[in-house]
């Protein structure tokens, strides 16, 4: 075990990580934010989305200033309903990260599967898959996500819309981002399927599905990892955008985008902290994940070695 850890630490991947200050700082910032979101029930000083714990007299409290009615002090202030902004950020970040990770996982599974089929099978199947991808690329991803969200929500029973809103949001964002995975995997599959190890697998009688899953898939996962990391930041921003526009997370489960939308309404009345702190958190999280994705792209690109 100790030798395995030593070999991993001495690998090119870890050497590049240790000598990249941007990657180290981005990784630390991303992990701190992710762990803060996961441990929100233990870290947050208040439960912001429990109506029974709210006190309207605490509304619009300034950061680090005692409330003029109750005397309570809140680190990042409170919003119009008296909710602690620090606590709302932690709980809202949980929703944003959950939607982001789930949407990227769904997009990756769908895109990798279709990309493998399009690259290995070819013919009219591959042509059909890639033409659908080309058509989808002609529209902005956020508009595709809004269209899919609206259609899916229309098929959801009215009494289940709030409960299913998060899952519909994941479905919409995932369907809007599968194209990049499919295009990259298809190109890599076209290269790999002509190599000798694939020919040998065919001669051994392996089925097409087994060859794609057991032989080709492991050799195309490098670019997929890079796309997944960058797509995570894009998914978080897409969720925030949809929630900011009022078509994302429901008011009962507000995400960072919902908090920004709420704060935007009070920006010009002097309560700047309701918008600033959720927006800064979203920017920091997206930037850290994006920088990690850029570093992974450089490390896993053999042309840059």
Foldseek 3Di string as FASTA:
>chain_A
DVVVVVCVCPDPVNVLCVPDPLLVVLVVLLVVLVVLLVCLVPPPPDDQLDLVRWDQQQALADAQAQRPPPGDHAHLGHHNRNGRLVSLQSLQANLLLVLLLLLLVLLLVVQLVQLLCLQLVPDPSVVVSVVVLVVLVVDDLLVQLLVQLVVVLVPDDPVCSQVCQSVSSSVSNNVSQNSVSSVQNSVQSNVVCPDDVVVVCVVVVDDSVCCSPVPRVVVSCLVSVLSSLLSSLVSSVSQLVCVLVVSHHDPSRHHLSVQLNSQVVCCVVPSVSSNPPSVVSSVSNSVSSNSNSVSSCLSSDVVND
